[in-house]
Amino acid sequence: MKRVFLIFSAFFLTSCVSSEFRSDTNCPINSGGTSYSVLFEYGSAEMNENATEQLRKIAGSAKNNNDFVCLLGRLSYSGSASDQALGALDRAKSVAKVFLQEGVDLRKIYIGMAPQQAQTGLSQPLNAKEEKHTLEILIGK
């Protein structure tokens, strides 16, 4: 059985989070927060051990600080919108599972989905290398 791996591990970004992020997840974080992005391999919602371990550390810190955790799955529209939404949901569930296993309170986790681009449908042909499957994480008060 072929095992699919995370392309990039979660990595730290210090940036302002858009109002779109908050509106798509109902995220209660007031301002700032710490942003992470997780990129998944084409057609996969699985993470490798390194990515999972990094998320465990992030989750432990969120639990200790009693932070909110907001997850935003980004949809890429090279397939049908419903298939892409199900993939984004699977990726969000995969990441949320790590936070729950590390003891983050379920009431502190918010999950949403939004298009990767404003346009739905294809403006040009995409191949698997061009398609992006991103899950954004915002952690804070």
N, C-alpha and C. Protein backbone atom coordinates (compact mmCIF):
# COMPACT_ATOMS: atom_id res chain seq x y z
N MET A 1 0.84 -1.18 0.00
CA MET A 1 0.00 0.00 0.00
C MET A 1 0.88 1.24 0.00
N LYS A 2 0.62 2.13 -0.91
CA LYS A 2 1.41 3.34 -1.02
C LYS A 2 1.03 4.31 0.09
N ARG A 3 2.03 4.82 0.77
CA ARG A 3 1.78 5.81 1.82
C ARG A 3 2.07 7.19 1.26
N VAL A 4 1.16 8.10 1.46
CA VAL A 4 1.31 9.45 0.95
C VAL A 4 1.83 10.34 2.08
N PHE A 5 2.73 11.23 1.74
CA PHE A 5 3.38 12.06 2.76
C PHE A 5 3.03 13.53 2.59
N LEU A 6 3.17 14.24 3.65
CA LEU A 6 3.01 15.69 3.65
C LEU A 6 4.16 16.31 2.87
N ILE A 7 3.86 17.22 1.97
CA ILE A 7 4.92 17.85 1.18
C ILE A 7 5.80 18.72 2.07
N PHE A 8 5.20 19.66 2.78
CA PHE A 8 5.94 20.53 3.68
C PHE A 8 5.38 20.37 5.07
N SER A 9 6.24 20.38 6.05
CA SER A 9 5.77 20.34 7.43
C SER A 9 5.12 21.68 7.75
N ALA A 10 4.37 21.70 8.83
CA ALA A 10 3.79 22.97 9.27
C ALA A 10 4.93 23.95 9.49
N PHE A 11 4.79 25.17 9.03
CA PHE A 11 5.84 26.14 9.26
C PHE A 11 5.25 27.44 9.77
N PHE A 12 6.09 28.15 10.51
CA PHE A 12 5.67 29.33 11.23
C PHE A 12 5.64 30.56 10.32
N LEU A 13 4.59 31.30 10.37
CA LEU A 13 4.49 32.56 9.65
C LEU A 13 4.05 33.63 10.63
N THR A 14 4.67 34.78 10.57
CA THR A 14 4.17 35.89 11.38
C THR A 14 3.52 36.88 10.43
N SER A 15 2.23 36.81 10.37
CA SER A 15 1.51 37.70 9.48
C SER A 15 0.13 37.98 10.04
N CYS A 16 -0.44 39.04 9.58
CA CYS A 16 -1.82 39.33 9.96
C CYS A 16 -2.73 38.36 9.24
N VAL A 17 -3.76 37.96 9.89
CA VAL A 17 -4.69 37.02 9.28
C VAL A 17 -5.88 37.80 8.74
N SER A 18 -6.26 37.47 7.53
CA SER A 18 -7.32 38.24 6.86
C SER A 18 -8.67 38.03 7.52
N SER A 19 -9.55 38.98 7.27
CA SER A 19 -10.91 38.86 7.80
C SER A 19 -11.62 37.69 7.14
N GLU A 20 -11.19 37.33 5.91
CA GLU A 20 -11.77 36.17 5.22
C GLU A 20 -11.54 34.89 6.05
N PHE A 21 -10.36 34.76 6.60
CA PHE A 21 -10.06 33.60 7.44
C PHE A 21 -11.03 33.53 8.60
N ARG A 22 -11.22 34.65 9.27
CA ARG A 22 -12.13 34.67 10.42
C ARG A 22 -13.57 34.40 10.01
N SER A 23 -14.00 34.98 8.89
CA SER A 23 -15.39 34.79 8.49
C SER A 23 -15.66 33.36 8.00
N ASP A 24 -14.67 32.70 7.41
CA ASP A 24 -14.87 31.34 6.91
C ASP A 24 -14.79 30.27 7.99
N THR A 25 -14.28 30.62 9.16
CA THR A 25 -14.17 29.64 10.25
C THR A 25 -14.94 30.06 11.50
N ASN A 26 -15.48 31.29 11.53
CA ASN A 26 -16.05 31.87 12.75
C ASN A 26 -15.01 31.92 13.86
N CYS A 27 -13.78 32.11 13.49
CA CYS A 27 -12.65 32.12 14.42
C CYS A 27 -12.78 33.27 15.41
N PRO A 28 -12.73 32.99 16.72
CA PRO A 28 -12.89 34.04 17.71
C PRO A 28 -11.61 34.78 18.08
N ILE A 29 -10.49 34.47 17.43
CA ILE A 29 -9.23 35.14 17.75
C ILE A 29 -9.34 36.61 17.36
N ASN A 30 -9.11 37.49 18.34
CA ASN A 30 -9.33 38.92 18.14
C ASN A 30 -8.36 39.56 17.17
N SER A 31 -7.08 39.43 17.41
CA SER A 31 -6.09 40.01 16.51
C SER A 31 -4.80 39.22 16.63
N GLY A 32 -4.04 39.30 15.58
CA GLY A 32 -2.75 38.61 15.58
C GLY A 32 -2.91 37.11 15.59
N GLY A 33 -2.23 36.48 16.51
CA GLY A 33 -2.21 35.04 16.55
C GLY A 33 -1.02 34.52 15.77
N THR A 34 -0.81 33.24 15.83
CA THR A 34 0.29 32.60 15.12
C THR A 34 -0.29 31.76 13.99
N SER A 35 0.25 31.97 12.79
CA SER A 35 -0.22 31.28 11.59
C SER A 35 0.72 30.15 11.21
N TYR A 36 0.13 29.07 10.76
CA TYR A 36 0.88 27.93 10.21
C TYR A 36 0.17 27.51 8.93
N SER A 37 0.91 26.95 8.00
CA SER A 37 0.32 26.38 6.79
C SER A 37 0.82 24.96 6.62
N VAL A 38 -0.08 24.08 6.28
CA VAL A 38 0.28 22.70 6.01
C VAL A 38 -0.12 22.40 4.57
N LEU A 39 0.85 21.96 3.76
CA LEU A 39 0.58 21.60 2.38
C LEU A 39 0.54 20.08 2.28
N PHE A 40 -0.50 19.57 1.68
CA PHE A 40 -0.67 18.12 1.53
C PHE A 40 -0.37 17.71 0.10
N GLU A 41 0.10 16.50 -0.06
CA GLU A 41 0.34 15.95 -1.38
C GLU A 41 -0.99 15.77 -2.11
N TYR A 42 -0.93 15.80 -3.42
CA TYR A 42 -2.12 15.67 -4.25
C TYR A 42 -2.97 14.46 -3.84
N GLY A 43 -4.25 14.70 -3.60
CA GLY A 43 -5.19 13.63 -3.30
C GLY A 43 -5.02 12.98 -1.93
N SER A 44 -4.31 13.61 -1.01
CA SER A 44 -4.04 12.99 0.27
C SER A 44 -4.48 13.86 1.44
N ALA A 45 -4.84 13.21 2.53
CA ALA A 45 -5.14 13.89 3.79
C ALA A 45 -4.26 13.33 4.90
N GLU A 46 -3.25 12.54 4.53
CA GLU A 46 -2.36 11.92 5.51
C GLU A 46 -1.12 12.79 5.73
N MET A 47 -0.55 12.67 6.94
CA MET A 47 0.67 13.38 7.27
C MET A 47 1.75 12.37 7.65
N ASN A 48 3.00 12.75 7.39
CA ASN A 48 4.08 11.87 7.81
C ASN A 48 4.39 12.10 9.29
N GLU A 49 5.27 11.28 9.85
CA GLU A 49 5.55 11.35 11.29
C GLU A 49 6.18 12.67 11.70
N ASN A 50 7.04 13.23 10.86
CA ASN A 50 7.69 14.49 11.17
C ASN A 50 6.65 15.62 11.29
N ALA A 51 5.73 15.68 10.33
CA ALA A 51 4.69 16.71 10.36
C ALA A 51 3.78 16.52 11.57
N THR A 52 3.44 15.27 11.85
CA THR A 52 2.57 14.99 13.00
C THR A 52 3.25 15.40 14.30
N GLU A 53 4.54 15.13 14.41
CA GLU A 53 5.29 15.49 15.63
C GLU A 53 5.33 17.02 15.79
N GLN A 54 5.55 17.73 14.70
CA GLN A 54 5.56 19.19 14.78
C GLN A 54 4.20 19.73 15.20
N LEU A 55 3.14 19.14 14.66
CA LEU A 55 1.79 19.56 15.05
C LEU A 55 1.51 19.23 16.51
N ARG A 56 2.04 18.11 17.01
CA ARG A 56 1.87 17.78 18.43
C ARG A 56 2.48 18.85 19.33
N LYS A 57 3.65 19.34 18.96
CA LYS A 57 4.29 20.40 19.74
C LYS A 57 3.45 21.67 19.72
N ILE A 58 2.95 22.01 18.54
CA ILE A 58 2.11 23.20 18.40
C ILE A 58 0.83 23.03 19.22
N ALA A 59 0.24 21.83 19.16
CA ALA A 59 -0.99 21.55 19.90
C ALA A 59 -0.75 21.60 21.41
N GLY A 60 0.39 21.08 21.86
CA GLY A 60 0.72 21.13 23.29
C GLY A 60 0.82 22.56 23.78
N SER A 61 1.43 23.41 22.98
CA SER A 61 1.55 24.82 23.34
C SER A 61 0.17 25.48 23.36
N ALA A 62 -0.67 25.16 22.38
CA ALA A 62 -2.03 25.72 22.34
C ALA A 62 -2.82 25.29 23.56
N LYS A 63 -2.68 24.03 23.95
CA LYS A 63 -3.40 23.53 25.13
C LYS A 63 -2.92 24.25 26.39
N ASN A 64 -1.60 24.35 26.56
CA ASN A 64 -1.03 24.99 27.75
C ASN A 64 -1.42 26.46 27.87
N ASN A 65 -1.57 27.12 26.73
CA ASN A 65 -1.93 28.54 26.72
C ASN A 65 -3.44 28.77 26.66
N ASN A 66 -4.20 27.68 26.61
CA ASN A 66 -5.66 27.77 26.50
C ASN A 66 -6.08 28.61 25.28
N ASP A 67 -5.36 28.40 24.17
CA ASP A 67 -5.60 29.14 22.94
C ASP A 67 -6.74 28.55 22.13
N PHE A 68 -7.32 29.38 21.27
CA PHE A 68 -8.23 28.90 20.24
C PHE A 68 -7.39 28.37 19.09
N VAL A 69 -7.93 27.37 18.39
CA VAL A 69 -7.27 26.79 17.22
C VAL A 69 -8.27 26.87 16.07
N CYS A 70 -7.93 27.62 15.04
CA CYS A 70 -8.81 27.77 13.89
C CYS A 70 -8.15 27.13 12.67
N LEU A 71 -8.88 26.24 12.01
CA LEU A 71 -8.37 25.51 10.85
C LEU A 71 -9.18 25.92 9.63
N LEU A 72 -8.48 26.26 8.55
CA LEU A 72 -9.14 26.66 7.32
C LEU A 72 -8.60 25.83 6.16
N GLY A 73 -9.44 24.94 5.65
CA GLY A 73 -9.08 24.14 4.49
C GLY A 73 -9.30 24.94 3.23
N ARG A 74 -8.31 24.95 2.37
CA ARG A 74 -8.41 25.68 1.10
C ARG A 74 -8.76 24.70 -0.01
N LEU A 75 -9.74 25.06 -0.84
CA LEU A 75 -10.20 24.21 -1.92
C LEU A 75 -9.53 24.62 -3.22
N SER A 76 -9.00 23.65 -3.93
CA SER A 76 -8.48 23.86 -5.27
C SER A 76 -9.50 23.28 -6.23
N TYR A 77 -9.85 24.01 -7.26
CA TYR A 77 -10.99 23.62 -8.09
C TYR A 77 -10.63 22.91 -9.38
N SER A 78 -9.66 22.03 -9.38
CA SER A 78 -9.38 21.31 -10.62
C SER A 78 -10.28 20.10 -10.79
N GLY A 79 -11.02 19.76 -9.76
CA GLY A 79 -12.02 18.70 -9.84
C GLY A 79 -13.36 19.28 -9.51
N SER A 80 -14.34 18.42 -9.30
CA SER A 80 -15.65 18.95 -8.94
C SER A 80 -15.57 19.59 -7.56
N ALA A 81 -16.36 20.64 -7.36
CA ALA A 81 -16.32 21.37 -6.09
C ALA A 81 -16.62 20.46 -4.91
N SER A 82 -17.56 19.51 -5.09
CA SER A 82 -17.90 18.63 -3.97
C SER A 82 -16.73 17.71 -3.61
N ASP A 83 -15.99 17.20 -4.61
CA ASP A 83 -14.83 16.37 -4.33
C ASP A 83 -13.75 17.17 -3.61
N GLN A 84 -13.54 18.40 -4.05
CA GLN A 84 -12.52 19.24 -3.42
C GLN A 84 -12.92 19.59 -1.99
N ALA A 85 -14.20 19.83 -1.74
CA ALA A 85 -14.67 20.13 -0.39
C ALA A 85 -14.47 18.94 0.52
N LEU A 86 -14.74 17.75 0.03
CA LEU A 86 -14.54 16.54 0.85
C LEU A 86 -13.06 16.34 1.16
N GLY A 87 -12.19 16.64 0.19
CA GLY A 87 -10.75 16.54 0.44
C GLY A 87 -10.30 17.55 1.48
N ALA A 88 -10.80 18.79 1.40
CA ALA A 88 -10.44 19.82 2.38
C ALA A 88 -10.93 19.42 3.77
N LEU A 89 -12.12 18.84 3.83
CA LEU A 89 -12.66 18.39 5.11
C LEU A 89 -11.80 17.27 5.70
N ASP A 90 -11.38 16.33 4.87
CA ASP A 90 -10.51 15.24 5.34
C ASP A 90 -9.18 15.78 5.87
N ARG A 91 -8.61 16.77 5.19
CA ARG A 91 -7.35 17.35 5.66
C ARG A 91 -7.56 18.08 6.99
N ALA A 92 -8.67 18.80 7.12
CA ALA A 92 -8.96 19.50 8.37
C ALA A 92 -9.17 18.50 9.51
N LYS A 93 -9.87 17.39 9.23
CA LYS A 93 -10.08 16.36 10.25
C LYS A 93 -8.75 15.73 10.67
N SER A 94 -7.87 15.52 9.72
CA SER A 94 -6.57 14.92 10.00
C SER A 94 -5.76 15.80 10.95
N VAL A 95 -5.77 17.10 10.72
CA VAL A 95 -5.04 18.03 11.58
C VAL A 95 -5.76 18.21 12.91
N ALA A 96 -7.08 18.35 12.89
CA ALA A 96 -7.85 18.52 14.13
C ALA A 96 -7.65 17.32 15.06
N LYS A 97 -7.53 16.14 14.50
CA LYS A 97 -7.32 14.93 15.29
C LYS A 97 -6.08 15.04 16.16
N VAL A 98 -5.01 15.62 15.60
CA VAL A 98 -3.76 15.79 16.38
C VAL A 98 -4.01 16.72 17.55
N PHE A 99 -4.72 17.82 17.31
CA PHE A 99 -5.00 18.77 18.39
C PHE A 99 -5.87 18.14 19.47
N LEU A 100 -6.85 17.36 19.08
CA LEU A 100 -7.72 16.69 20.05
C LEU A 100 -6.95 15.64 20.84
N GLN A 101 -6.08 14.89 20.17
CA GLN A 101 -5.29 13.87 20.86
C GLN A 101 -4.33 14.49 21.87
N GLU A 102 -3.90 15.71 21.61
CA GLU A 102 -2.98 16.39 22.53
C GLU A 102 -3.72 17.14 23.64
N GLY A 103 -5.05 17.03 23.67
CA GLY A 103 -5.81 17.57 24.78
C GLY A 103 -6.39 18.96 24.59
N VAL A 104 -6.33 19.50 23.38
CA VAL A 104 -6.97 20.80 23.14
C VAL A 104 -8.48 20.60 23.26
N ASP A 105 -9.12 21.47 24.02
CA ASP A 105 -10.57 21.40 24.25
C ASP A 105 -11.31 21.51 22.93
N LEU A 106 -12.23 20.61 22.68
CA LEU A 106 -13.03 20.60 21.46
C LEU A 106 -13.71 21.95 21.23
N ARG A 107 -14.11 22.62 22.30
CA ARG A 107 -14.80 23.91 22.17
C ARG A 107 -13.85 25.03 21.75
N LYS A 108 -12.56 24.74 21.69
CA LYS A 108 -11.56 25.73 21.29
C LYS A 108 -11.14 25.57 19.82
N ILE A 109 -11.69 24.56 19.13
CA ILE A 109 -11.31 24.28 17.75
C ILE A 109 -12.42 24.71 16.79
N TYR A 110 -12.06 25.50 15.79
CA TYR A 110 -12.98 25.99 14.77
C TYR A 110 -12.47 25.54 13.41
N ILE A 111 -13.39 25.04 12.57
CA ILE A 111 -12.99 24.51 11.26
C ILE A 111 -13.85 25.14 10.18
N GLY A 112 -13.22 25.54 9.09
CA GLY A 112 -13.94 26.09 7.94
C GLY A 112 -13.24 25.73 6.65
N MET A 113 -13.89 26.07 5.53
CA MET A 113 -13.33 25.81 4.20
C MET A 113 -13.61 27.02 3.32
N ALA A 114 -12.70 27.26 2.38
CA ALA A 114 -12.85 28.38 1.44
C ALA A 114 -12.11 28.06 0.16
N PRO A 115 -12.50 28.70 -0.95
CA PRO A 115 -11.78 28.47 -2.21
C PRO A 115 -10.34 28.96 -2.13
N GLN A 116 -9.45 28.25 -2.81
CA GLN A 116 -8.04 28.66 -2.90
C GLN A 116 -7.95 29.96 -3.71
N GLN A 117 -8.76 30.04 -4.76
CA GLN A 117 -8.82 31.23 -5.59
C GLN A 117 -10.27 31.69 -5.65
N ALA A 118 -10.47 32.94 -6.01
CA ALA A 118 -11.83 33.46 -6.08
C ALA A 118 -12.63 32.80 -7.20
N GLN A 119 -11.95 32.38 -8.26
CA GLN A 119 -12.63 31.81 -9.42
C GLN A 119 -12.90 30.33 -9.20
N THR A 120 -14.09 29.90 -9.51
CA THR A 120 -14.38 28.47 -9.51
C THR A 120 -14.32 27.97 -10.94
N GLY A 121 -13.84 26.79 -11.12
CA GLY A 121 -13.64 26.24 -12.46
C GLY A 121 -12.23 26.51 -12.93
N LEU A 122 -11.91 26.05 -14.09
CA LEU A 122 -10.55 26.17 -14.61
C LEU A 122 -10.42 27.30 -15.61
N SER A 123 -9.42 28.13 -15.43
CA SER A 123 -9.11 29.13 -16.45
C SER A 123 -8.03 28.59 -17.37
N GLN A 124 -7.32 27.57 -16.90
CA GLN A 124 -6.30 26.89 -17.69
C GLN A 124 -6.14 25.48 -17.15
N PRO A 125 -5.63 24.58 -17.95
CA PRO A 125 -5.47 23.21 -17.47
C PRO A 125 -4.48 23.15 -16.30
N LEU A 126 -4.80 22.35 -15.33
CA LEU A 126 -3.90 22.13 -14.20
C LEU A 126 -3.45 20.68 -14.20
N ASN A 127 -2.24 20.46 -13.74
CA ASN A 127 -1.82 19.09 -13.49
C ASN A 127 -1.61 18.93 -12.00
N ALA A 128 -1.29 17.74 -11.55
CA ALA A 128 -1.16 17.46 -10.12
C ALA A 128 -0.10 18.34 -9.46
N LYS A 129 0.97 18.67 -10.18
CA LYS A 129 2.03 19.50 -9.60
C LYS A 129 1.55 20.92 -9.33
N GLU A 130 0.63 21.41 -10.16
CA GLU A 130 0.16 22.79 -10.00
C GLU A 130 -0.94 22.92 -8.96
N GLU A 131 -1.59 21.83 -8.63
CA GLU A 131 -2.71 21.88 -7.70
C GLU A 131 -2.19 22.00 -6.26
N LYS A 132 -2.83 22.83 -5.48
CA LYS A 132 -2.42 23.05 -4.10
C LYS A 132 -3.51 22.56 -3.15
N HIS A 133 -3.11 21.87 -2.11
CA HIS A 133 -4.02 21.43 -1.06
C HIS A 133 -3.46 21.97 0.25
N THR A 134 -4.01 23.08 0.68
CA THR A 134 -3.47 23.80 1.83
C THR A 134 -4.44 23.79 2.99
N LEU A 135 -3.91 23.63 4.18
CA LEU A 135 -4.69 23.82 5.39
C LEU A 135 -3.99 24.90 6.19
N GLU A 136 -4.70 25.96 6.50
CA GLU A 136 -4.14 27.05 7.28
C GLU A 136 -4.59 26.90 8.73
N ILE A 137 -3.69 27.23 9.64
CA ILE A 137 -3.97 27.14 11.07
C ILE A 137 -3.69 28.51 11.68
N LEU A 138 -4.59 28.97 12.53
CA LEU A 138 -4.38 30.19 13.31
C LEU A 138 -4.59 29.82 14.77
N ILE A 139 -3.62 30.19 15.60
CA ILE A 139 -3.70 29.88 17.04
C ILE A 139 -3.51 31.17 17.83
N GLY A 140 -4.39 31.41 18.78
CA GLY A 140 -4.27 32.61 19.60
C GLY A 140 -5.46 32.80 20.51
N LYS A 141 -5.55 33.96 21.10
CA LYS A 141 -6.61 34.31 22.07
C LYS A 141 -7.73 35.08 21.42
